[in-house]
N, C-alpha and C. Protein backbone atom coordinates (compact mmCIF):
# COMPACT_ATOMS: atom_id res chain seq x y z
N MET A 1 47.78 7.21 -36.40
CA MET A 1 47.68 5.83 -35.97
C MET A 1 49.03 5.36 -35.46
N ALA A 2 49.00 4.36 -34.60
CA ALA A 2 50.22 3.82 -34.01
C ALA A 2 51.00 3.00 -35.03
N ALA A 3 52.34 3.04 -34.91
CA ALA A 3 53.17 2.18 -35.73
C ALA A 3 53.06 0.76 -35.18
N ARG A 4 52.86 -0.19 -36.05
CA ARG A 4 52.68 -1.57 -35.61
C ARG A 4 53.94 -2.38 -35.86
N SER A 5 54.26 -3.25 -34.93
CA SER A 5 55.44 -4.09 -35.06
C SER A 5 55.12 -5.38 -35.81
N GLY A 6 53.95 -5.52 -36.32
CA GLY A 6 53.51 -6.72 -37.03
C GLY A 6 52.03 -6.88 -36.81
N PRO A 7 51.40 -7.73 -37.59
CA PRO A 7 49.95 -7.87 -37.41
C PRO A 7 49.61 -8.48 -36.05
N PRO A 8 48.67 -7.88 -35.34
CA PRO A 8 48.28 -8.45 -34.04
C PRO A 8 47.46 -9.72 -34.24
N ARG A 9 47.49 -10.57 -33.25
CA ARG A 9 46.65 -11.77 -33.26
C ARG A 9 45.21 -11.34 -33.01
N SER A 10 44.28 -11.91 -33.73
CA SER A 10 42.88 -11.54 -33.56
C SER A 10 42.39 -11.89 -32.16
N LEU A 11 41.68 -10.96 -31.56
CA LEU A 11 41.09 -11.18 -30.25
C LEU A 11 39.71 -11.83 -30.36
N ARG A 12 39.19 -11.92 -31.57
CA ARG A 12 37.83 -12.43 -31.80
C ARG A 12 36.84 -11.67 -30.90
N ALA A 13 37.02 -10.36 -30.87
CA ALA A 13 36.19 -9.49 -30.04
C ALA A 13 34.78 -9.42 -30.61
N ALA A 14 33.83 -9.29 -29.72
CA ALA A 14 32.42 -9.16 -30.11
C ALA A 14 31.96 -7.74 -29.80
N PHE A 15 31.33 -7.11 -30.78
CA PHE A 15 30.79 -5.78 -30.53
C PHE A 15 29.75 -5.86 -29.43
N ASP A 16 29.83 -4.94 -28.46
CA ASP A 16 28.90 -4.94 -27.33
C ASP A 16 27.94 -3.76 -27.40
N HIS A 17 28.48 -2.55 -27.47
CA HIS A 17 27.60 -1.37 -27.53
C HIS A 17 28.37 -0.13 -27.96
N VAL A 18 27.60 0.89 -28.31
CA VAL A 18 28.12 2.22 -28.57
C VAL A 18 27.57 3.12 -27.46
N ALA A 19 28.41 4.04 -26.99
CA ALA A 19 27.99 4.96 -25.94
C ALA A 19 27.91 6.37 -26.50
N VAL A 20 26.82 7.04 -26.17
CA VAL A 20 26.58 8.41 -26.59
C VAL A 20 26.47 9.26 -25.33
N ALA A 21 27.25 10.33 -25.26
CA ALA A 21 27.23 11.20 -24.09
C ALA A 21 26.63 12.54 -24.45
N ALA A 22 25.89 13.10 -23.51
CA ALA A 22 25.28 14.42 -23.65
C ALA A 22 25.14 15.02 -22.26
N PRO A 23 24.92 16.33 -22.18
CA PRO A 23 24.72 16.93 -20.86
C PRO A 23 23.51 16.35 -20.12
N ARG A 24 22.49 15.88 -20.89
CA ARG A 24 21.28 15.32 -20.27
C ARG A 24 20.84 14.06 -21.02
N ILE A 25 20.76 12.95 -20.31
CA ILE A 25 20.24 11.72 -20.90
C ILE A 25 18.82 11.95 -21.41
N ARG A 26 18.03 12.70 -20.65
CA ARG A 26 16.62 12.91 -21.04
C ARG A 26 16.49 13.51 -22.44
N ASP A 27 17.48 14.29 -22.88
CA ASP A 27 17.43 14.87 -24.23
C ASP A 27 17.66 13.82 -25.31
N LEU A 28 18.27 12.70 -24.96
CA LEU A 28 18.56 11.64 -25.92
C LEU A 28 17.43 10.61 -26.02
N LEU A 29 16.59 10.53 -25.01
CA LEU A 29 15.55 9.50 -24.96
C LEU A 29 14.50 9.60 -26.07
N PRO A 30 14.06 10.80 -26.50
CA PRO A 30 13.08 10.83 -27.59
C PRO A 30 13.60 10.17 -28.88
N LEU A 31 14.88 10.31 -29.16
CA LEU A 31 15.45 9.71 -30.36
C LEU A 31 15.76 8.23 -30.14
N TYR A 32 16.62 7.93 -29.16
CA TYR A 32 17.11 6.56 -28.99
C TYR A 32 16.08 5.62 -28.35
N GLY A 33 15.17 6.19 -27.57
CA GLY A 33 14.13 5.37 -26.96
C GLY A 33 12.86 5.36 -27.78
N ASP A 34 12.21 6.52 -27.89
CA ASP A 34 10.90 6.59 -28.55
C ASP A 34 10.99 6.28 -30.05
N LEU A 35 11.74 7.08 -30.80
CA LEU A 35 11.77 6.93 -32.26
C LEU A 35 12.43 5.62 -32.69
N LEU A 36 13.61 5.31 -32.15
CA LEU A 36 14.36 4.13 -32.59
C LEU A 36 13.96 2.86 -31.86
N GLY A 37 13.16 2.97 -30.81
CA GLY A 37 12.61 1.79 -30.15
C GLY A 37 13.47 1.12 -29.10
N GLY A 38 14.46 1.82 -28.58
CA GLY A 38 15.29 1.24 -27.52
C GLY A 38 14.49 1.09 -26.24
N ARG A 39 14.66 -0.03 -25.58
CA ARG A 39 13.99 -0.30 -24.31
C ARG A 39 15.02 -0.41 -23.20
N PHE A 40 14.69 0.15 -22.06
CA PHE A 40 15.60 0.16 -20.92
C PHE A 40 16.08 -1.25 -20.60
N ALA A 41 17.39 -1.41 -20.46
CA ALA A 41 17.99 -2.69 -20.08
C ALA A 41 18.54 -2.62 -18.65
N PHE A 42 19.39 -1.65 -18.38
CA PHE A 42 19.97 -1.46 -17.04
C PHE A 42 20.68 -0.12 -17.01
N GLY A 43 21.08 0.31 -15.84
CA GLY A 43 21.81 1.57 -15.72
C GLY A 43 22.15 1.88 -14.29
N GLY A 44 22.88 2.94 -14.10
CA GLY A 44 23.27 3.36 -12.77
C GLY A 44 24.29 4.48 -12.83
N ASP A 45 24.85 4.78 -11.68
CA ASP A 45 25.82 5.86 -11.54
C ASP A 45 27.22 5.32 -11.32
N ASN A 46 28.19 6.07 -11.76
CA ASN A 46 29.59 5.80 -11.45
C ASN A 46 30.12 7.04 -10.75
N PRO A 47 29.88 7.13 -9.43
CA PRO A 47 30.29 8.33 -8.71
C PRO A 47 31.81 8.51 -8.65
N ARG A 48 32.58 7.44 -8.74
CA ARG A 48 34.04 7.54 -8.70
C ARG A 48 34.55 8.33 -9.91
N VAL A 49 33.96 8.06 -11.08
CA VAL A 49 34.38 8.74 -12.30
C VAL A 49 33.54 9.99 -12.55
N GLY A 50 32.25 9.94 -12.21
CA GLY A 50 31.41 11.12 -12.31
C GLY A 50 30.39 11.12 -13.44
N TYR A 51 29.77 9.96 -13.69
CA TYR A 51 28.74 9.94 -14.72
C TYR A 51 27.61 8.99 -14.36
N ARG A 52 26.48 9.21 -15.03
CA ARG A 52 25.32 8.32 -14.97
C ARG A 52 25.16 7.72 -16.36
N ALA A 53 24.78 6.46 -16.43
CA ALA A 53 24.58 5.81 -17.72
C ALA A 53 23.37 4.89 -17.65
N LEU A 54 22.72 4.75 -18.79
CA LEU A 54 21.70 3.72 -18.91
C LEU A 54 21.82 3.10 -20.29
N HIS A 55 21.50 1.83 -20.36
CA HIS A 55 21.58 1.08 -21.60
C HIS A 55 20.19 0.83 -22.14
N LEU A 56 20.04 1.09 -23.44
CA LEU A 56 18.81 0.77 -24.14
C LEU A 56 19.10 -0.43 -25.05
N ARG A 57 18.18 -1.38 -25.05
CA ARG A 57 18.32 -2.59 -25.86
C ARG A 57 17.36 -2.49 -27.05
N TYR A 58 17.83 -3.00 -28.19
CA TYR A 58 17.05 -2.97 -29.42
C TYR A 58 16.67 -4.40 -29.81
N PRO A 59 15.69 -4.54 -30.72
CA PRO A 59 15.21 -5.88 -31.08
C PRO A 59 16.30 -6.83 -31.56
N ASP A 60 17.37 -6.32 -32.15
CA ASP A 60 18.44 -7.21 -32.61
C ASP A 60 19.43 -7.54 -31.49
N ASP A 61 19.06 -7.23 -30.25
CA ASP A 61 19.86 -7.47 -29.05
C ASP A 61 21.12 -6.61 -28.98
N ARG A 62 21.16 -5.53 -29.74
CA ARG A 62 22.25 -4.56 -29.65
C ARG A 62 21.86 -3.50 -28.63
N ARG A 63 22.87 -2.77 -28.13
CA ARG A 63 22.60 -1.76 -27.12
C ARG A 63 23.27 -0.44 -27.45
N VAL A 64 22.64 0.62 -26.95
CA VAL A 64 23.21 1.96 -26.94
C VAL A 64 23.25 2.38 -25.48
N GLU A 65 24.40 2.86 -25.05
CA GLU A 65 24.57 3.39 -23.70
C GLU A 65 24.44 4.90 -23.78
N LEU A 66 23.57 5.47 -22.97
CA LEU A 66 23.41 6.91 -22.89
C LEU A 66 24.07 7.38 -21.60
N MET A 67 24.89 8.43 -21.69
CA MET A 67 25.68 8.90 -20.56
C MET A 67 25.50 10.39 -20.35
N GLU A 68 25.57 10.80 -19.07
CA GLU A 68 25.55 12.22 -18.71
C GLU A 68 26.45 12.41 -17.50
N PRO A 69 27.00 13.62 -17.32
CA PRO A 69 27.82 13.87 -16.14
C PRO A 69 26.96 13.98 -14.89
N LEU A 70 27.50 13.53 -13.78
CA LEU A 70 26.87 13.80 -12.49
C LEU A 70 27.19 15.24 -12.10
N PRO A 71 26.34 15.87 -11.29
CA PRO A 71 26.59 17.26 -10.89
C PRO A 71 27.99 17.44 -10.29
N GLY A 72 28.67 18.47 -10.76
CA GLY A 72 30.00 18.79 -10.26
C GLY A 72 31.13 18.01 -10.92
N SER A 73 30.80 17.04 -11.78
CA SER A 73 31.81 16.22 -12.44
C SER A 73 32.42 16.98 -13.61
N THR A 74 33.71 16.77 -13.82
CA THR A 74 34.40 17.34 -14.98
C THR A 74 34.74 16.26 -16.00
N PHE A 75 34.23 15.04 -15.79
CA PHE A 75 34.59 13.89 -16.61
C PHE A 75 34.39 14.14 -18.10
N PHE A 76 33.31 14.78 -18.50
CA PHE A 76 33.01 14.99 -19.92
C PHE A 76 33.43 16.37 -20.44
N ASP A 77 34.03 17.20 -19.61
CA ASP A 77 34.31 18.59 -20.02
C ASP A 77 35.08 18.69 -21.33
N SER A 78 36.21 18.00 -21.44
CA SER A 78 37.00 18.12 -22.68
C SER A 78 36.27 17.46 -23.84
N PHE A 79 35.55 16.38 -23.59
CA PHE A 79 34.77 15.72 -24.64
C PHE A 79 33.69 16.66 -25.17
N PHE A 80 32.94 17.28 -24.27
CA PHE A 80 31.89 18.21 -24.70
C PHE A 80 32.47 19.42 -25.43
N ALA A 81 33.62 19.90 -24.99
CA ALA A 81 34.26 21.04 -25.68
C ALA A 81 34.66 20.64 -27.10
N ARG A 82 35.18 19.43 -27.24
CA ARG A 82 35.63 18.95 -28.55
C ARG A 82 34.47 18.63 -29.48
N THR A 83 33.36 18.14 -28.93
CA THR A 83 32.23 17.68 -29.74
C THR A 83 31.09 18.69 -29.79
N ARG A 84 31.27 19.83 -29.16
CA ARG A 84 30.24 20.87 -29.09
C ARG A 84 28.99 20.37 -28.39
N GLY A 85 29.18 19.62 -27.31
CA GLY A 85 28.05 19.26 -26.47
C GLY A 85 27.64 17.81 -26.45
N GLY A 86 28.37 16.93 -27.11
CA GLY A 86 28.05 15.52 -27.02
C GLY A 86 28.20 14.77 -28.32
N GLY A 87 28.00 13.48 -28.25
CA GLY A 87 28.12 12.62 -29.42
C GLY A 87 28.57 11.24 -29.02
N VAL A 88 29.09 10.49 -29.99
CA VAL A 88 29.58 9.14 -29.71
C VAL A 88 30.80 9.27 -28.80
N HIS A 89 30.72 8.66 -27.63
CA HIS A 89 31.80 8.75 -26.67
C HIS A 89 32.77 7.58 -26.81
N HIS A 90 32.24 6.36 -26.91
CA HIS A 90 33.12 5.21 -27.08
C HIS A 90 32.38 4.03 -27.71
N LEU A 91 33.18 3.11 -28.24
CA LEU A 91 32.70 1.83 -28.73
C LEU A 91 33.26 0.76 -27.80
N THR A 92 32.44 -0.23 -27.49
CA THR A 92 32.87 -1.30 -26.59
C THR A 92 32.84 -2.65 -27.30
N PHE A 93 33.94 -3.37 -27.18
CA PHE A 93 34.06 -4.72 -27.69
C PHE A 93 34.40 -5.64 -26.53
N VAL A 94 33.73 -6.77 -26.44
CA VAL A 94 33.98 -7.75 -25.39
C VAL A 94 35.03 -8.74 -25.87
N VAL A 95 35.97 -9.03 -24.99
CA VAL A 95 37.02 -10.01 -25.27
C VAL A 95 36.95 -11.11 -24.24
N ALA A 96 37.46 -12.28 -24.59
CA ALA A 96 37.43 -13.43 -23.69
C ALA A 96 38.42 -13.28 -22.54
N ASP A 97 39.57 -12.68 -22.80
CA ASP A 97 40.62 -12.57 -21.79
C ASP A 97 41.28 -11.20 -21.91
N ILE A 98 41.04 -10.34 -20.95
CA ILE A 98 41.54 -8.97 -21.02
C ILE A 98 43.06 -8.91 -20.96
N ARG A 99 43.69 -9.85 -20.27
CA ARG A 99 45.16 -9.85 -20.20
C ARG A 99 45.77 -10.19 -21.57
N VAL A 100 45.17 -11.12 -22.28
CA VAL A 100 45.61 -11.43 -23.64
C VAL A 100 45.37 -10.21 -24.53
N ALA A 101 44.22 -9.58 -24.38
CA ALA A 101 43.90 -8.38 -25.17
C ALA A 101 44.93 -7.28 -24.91
N LEU A 102 45.26 -7.05 -23.65
CA LEU A 102 46.24 -6.02 -23.31
C LEU A 102 47.59 -6.35 -23.95
N HIS A 103 48.01 -7.60 -23.89
CA HIS A 103 49.27 -8.02 -24.49
C HIS A 103 49.25 -7.76 -26.00
N GLU A 104 48.17 -8.13 -26.67
CA GLU A 104 48.07 -7.95 -28.12
C GLU A 104 48.01 -6.48 -28.51
N VAL A 105 47.33 -5.68 -27.70
CA VAL A 105 47.27 -4.24 -27.95
C VAL A 105 48.68 -3.65 -27.94
N VAL A 106 49.42 -3.95 -26.89
CA VAL A 106 50.78 -3.41 -26.76
C VAL A 106 51.69 -3.99 -27.85
N ALA A 107 51.60 -5.30 -28.09
CA ALA A 107 52.42 -5.92 -29.12
C ALA A 107 52.11 -5.36 -30.50
N GLY A 108 50.87 -4.93 -30.72
CA GLY A 108 50.47 -4.35 -31.99
C GLY A 108 50.88 -2.90 -32.15
N GLY A 109 51.43 -2.30 -31.10
CA GLY A 109 51.93 -0.94 -31.20
C GLY A 109 51.00 0.13 -30.66
N TRP A 110 49.88 -0.25 -30.08
CA TRP A 110 48.97 0.73 -29.50
C TRP A 110 49.34 0.96 -28.04
N THR A 111 48.99 2.13 -27.53
CA THR A 111 49.28 2.48 -26.14
C THR A 111 47.97 2.64 -25.38
N PRO A 112 47.68 1.76 -24.44
CA PRO A 112 46.45 1.92 -23.66
C PRO A 112 46.49 3.22 -22.86
N THR A 113 45.34 3.92 -22.81
CA THR A 113 45.28 5.15 -22.02
C THR A 113 44.79 4.87 -20.61
N ALA A 114 44.10 3.76 -20.43
CA ALA A 114 43.63 3.37 -19.09
C ALA A 114 43.48 1.85 -19.08
N VAL A 115 43.87 1.26 -17.95
CA VAL A 115 43.79 -0.18 -17.77
C VAL A 115 43.22 -0.45 -16.39
N PHE A 116 42.10 -1.16 -16.34
CA PHE A 116 41.48 -1.53 -15.08
C PHE A 116 41.21 -3.04 -15.16
N ILE A 117 42.08 -3.83 -14.53
CA ILE A 117 41.94 -5.29 -14.68
C ILE A 117 41.89 -6.02 -13.35
N ASP A 118 41.71 -5.31 -12.25
CA ASP A 118 41.72 -5.95 -10.94
C ASP A 118 40.37 -6.49 -10.48
N ASP A 119 39.27 -5.98 -11.03
CA ASP A 119 37.94 -6.44 -10.64
C ASP A 119 37.53 -7.59 -11.55
N PRO A 120 37.39 -8.79 -11.02
CA PRO A 120 37.07 -9.93 -11.89
C PRO A 120 35.72 -9.82 -12.60
N ALA A 121 34.82 -8.99 -12.10
CA ALA A 121 33.51 -8.83 -12.73
C ALA A 121 33.54 -7.83 -13.88
N TRP A 122 34.55 -6.96 -13.91
CA TRP A 122 34.58 -5.89 -14.92
C TRP A 122 36.02 -5.47 -15.16
N ARG A 123 36.62 -5.96 -16.24
CA ARG A 123 38.01 -5.63 -16.57
C ARG A 123 38.01 -4.92 -17.91
N GLU A 124 38.75 -3.80 -18.00
CA GLU A 124 38.69 -3.01 -19.23
C GLU A 124 40.02 -2.35 -19.56
N VAL A 125 40.21 -2.14 -20.85
CA VAL A 125 41.36 -1.43 -21.40
C VAL A 125 40.80 -0.42 -22.38
N PHE A 126 41.31 0.81 -22.32
CA PHE A 126 40.87 1.86 -23.23
C PHE A 126 42.00 2.27 -24.15
N LEU A 127 41.65 2.53 -25.41
CA LEU A 127 42.59 3.06 -26.39
C LEU A 127 42.11 4.46 -26.79
N HIS A 128 43.04 5.40 -26.84
CA HIS A 128 42.73 6.80 -27.09
C HIS A 128 42.25 7.01 -28.52
N PRO A 129 41.33 7.97 -28.71
CA PRO A 129 40.85 8.28 -30.06
C PRO A 129 41.96 8.62 -31.06
N ARG A 130 43.08 9.16 -30.60
CA ARG A 130 44.19 9.47 -31.51
C ARG A 130 44.72 8.21 -32.20
N GLU A 131 44.55 7.06 -31.57
CA GLU A 131 45.08 5.81 -32.12
C GLU A 131 44.00 4.92 -32.74
N THR A 132 42.76 5.36 -32.71
CA THR A 132 41.67 4.48 -33.16
C THR A 132 40.80 5.09 -34.25
N GLY A 133 41.24 6.16 -34.85
CA GLY A 133 40.44 6.79 -35.88
C GLY A 133 39.43 7.78 -35.37
N GLY A 134 39.58 8.23 -34.12
CA GLY A 134 38.75 9.31 -33.63
C GLY A 134 37.76 8.97 -32.53
N THR A 135 37.63 7.70 -32.15
CA THR A 135 36.67 7.32 -31.11
C THR A 135 37.36 6.50 -30.03
N LEU A 136 37.08 6.82 -28.79
CA LEU A 136 37.59 6.05 -27.67
C LEU A 136 37.14 4.60 -27.83
N LEU A 137 38.05 3.66 -27.63
CA LEU A 137 37.75 2.23 -27.79
C LEU A 137 37.92 1.54 -26.44
N GLN A 138 36.91 0.82 -26.03
CA GLN A 138 36.94 0.07 -24.77
C GLN A 138 36.95 -1.41 -25.11
N LEU A 139 37.94 -2.12 -24.59
CA LEU A 139 37.97 -3.58 -24.64
C LEU A 139 37.56 -4.06 -23.26
N LEU A 140 36.64 -4.98 -23.20
CA LEU A 140 35.99 -5.33 -21.94
C LEU A 140 35.90 -6.84 -21.76
N GLN A 141 36.25 -7.28 -20.56
CA GLN A 141 35.96 -8.65 -20.13
C GLN A 141 35.04 -8.51 -18.94
N LYS A 142 33.86 -9.10 -19.03
CA LYS A 142 32.88 -8.92 -17.95
C LYS A 142 32.20 -10.25 -17.65
N GLU A 143 31.67 -10.32 -16.46
CA GLU A 143 30.83 -11.46 -16.12
C GLU A 143 29.53 -11.33 -16.90
N GLU A 144 28.94 -12.44 -17.26
CA GLU A 144 27.70 -12.41 -18.02
C GLU A 144 26.58 -11.81 -17.19
N GLY A 145 25.70 -11.10 -17.89
CA GLY A 145 24.53 -10.50 -17.23
C GLY A 145 24.87 -9.21 -16.53
N GLN A 146 23.94 -8.31 -16.53
CA GLN A 146 24.07 -7.05 -15.82
C GLN A 146 22.97 -6.99 -14.77
N PRO A 147 23.30 -6.54 -13.58
CA PRO A 147 22.25 -6.46 -12.56
C PRO A 147 21.21 -5.40 -12.90
N VAL A 148 19.97 -5.79 -12.87
CA VAL A 148 18.89 -4.83 -13.07
C VAL A 148 18.27 -4.61 -11.70
N THR A 149 18.68 -3.52 -11.08
CA THR A 149 18.24 -3.26 -9.72
C THR A 149 17.19 -2.16 -9.65
N ALA A 150 16.92 -1.55 -10.80
CA ALA A 150 15.96 -0.44 -10.82
C ALA A 150 15.49 -0.25 -12.25
N GLY A 151 14.39 0.46 -12.42
CA GLY A 151 13.90 0.81 -13.74
C GLY A 151 14.53 2.11 -14.22
N MET A 152 14.18 2.51 -15.43
CA MET A 152 14.78 3.71 -16.01
C MET A 152 14.50 4.95 -15.18
N GLU A 153 13.28 5.14 -14.72
CA GLU A 153 12.97 6.34 -13.94
C GLU A 153 13.73 6.35 -12.61
N GLU A 154 13.94 5.17 -12.04
CA GLU A 154 14.73 5.11 -10.79
C GLU A 154 16.18 5.49 -11.07
N VAL A 155 16.74 5.02 -12.20
CA VAL A 155 18.11 5.39 -12.55
C VAL A 155 18.21 6.90 -12.75
N LEU A 156 17.25 7.49 -13.47
CA LEU A 156 17.27 8.93 -13.72
C LEU A 156 17.03 9.73 -12.43
N ALA A 157 16.43 9.10 -11.45
CA ALA A 157 16.23 9.76 -10.15
C ALA A 157 17.40 9.53 -9.20
N GLY A 158 18.45 8.86 -9.70
CA GLY A 158 19.63 8.63 -8.87
C GLY A 158 19.49 7.47 -7.92
N ARG A 159 18.54 6.57 -8.20
CA ARG A 159 18.32 5.42 -7.31
C ARG A 159 18.67 4.10 -8.00
N GLY A 160 19.48 4.14 -9.05
CA GLY A 160 19.92 2.92 -9.74
C GLY A 160 21.14 2.33 -9.07
N LEU A 161 21.80 1.44 -9.75
CA LEU A 161 23.02 0.81 -9.26
C LEU A 161 24.02 1.90 -8.86
N ALA A 162 24.52 1.85 -7.64
CA ALA A 162 25.45 2.84 -7.09
C ALA A 162 24.88 4.26 -7.14
N GLY A 163 23.58 4.39 -7.09
CA GLY A 163 22.90 5.68 -7.22
C GLY A 163 23.38 6.72 -6.24
N THR A 164 23.51 7.94 -6.72
CA THR A 164 23.95 9.05 -5.89
C THR A 164 22.82 9.81 -5.25
N GLY A 165 21.58 9.49 -5.68
CA GLY A 165 20.42 10.20 -5.14
C GLY A 165 20.15 11.53 -5.82
N THR A 166 20.97 11.89 -6.79
CA THR A 166 20.79 13.14 -7.51
C THR A 166 19.94 12.89 -8.74
N ILE A 167 18.90 13.67 -8.91
CA ILE A 167 17.99 13.53 -10.04
C ILE A 167 18.66 14.07 -11.31
N SER A 168 18.49 13.34 -12.42
CA SER A 168 19.00 13.81 -13.72
C SER A 168 18.30 15.11 -14.09
N PRO A 169 19.06 16.01 -14.70
CA PRO A 169 18.44 17.28 -15.10
C PRO A 169 17.37 17.10 -16.16
């Protein structure tokens, strides 16, 4: 864990979701969708980074994000090697002001591994698992609501938000 220069000011962060990554989203759906009752909320592709994700919503309004690599992507390679094929990839907490969060993270002695704060609709800071007890931590400031531009089968067929047109395995 990181050495702290003093107690950080509380960000009053709200838990948003947990993300689970696997080589195939379809392999996760019988458990997280059918058995546990998750219903499709939204999803799409991130071709810049190299993954497809979809969010399942549960009756308590909590979500699980299911993720898989897009063909040819190396984004999950080290994660899959470390986890033997998948598992909890990250936890996401929403903050009111990402710049305040970034300041408090650094002042608290943590080192962000990635900072993306230029898009007003989606600003995020990541903390490495080495500093968070073993799980990647995402702090997020986002605009309310997520665009639902397609259903689950459309997302899995590569026709969701930013879809690449590649069908999920």
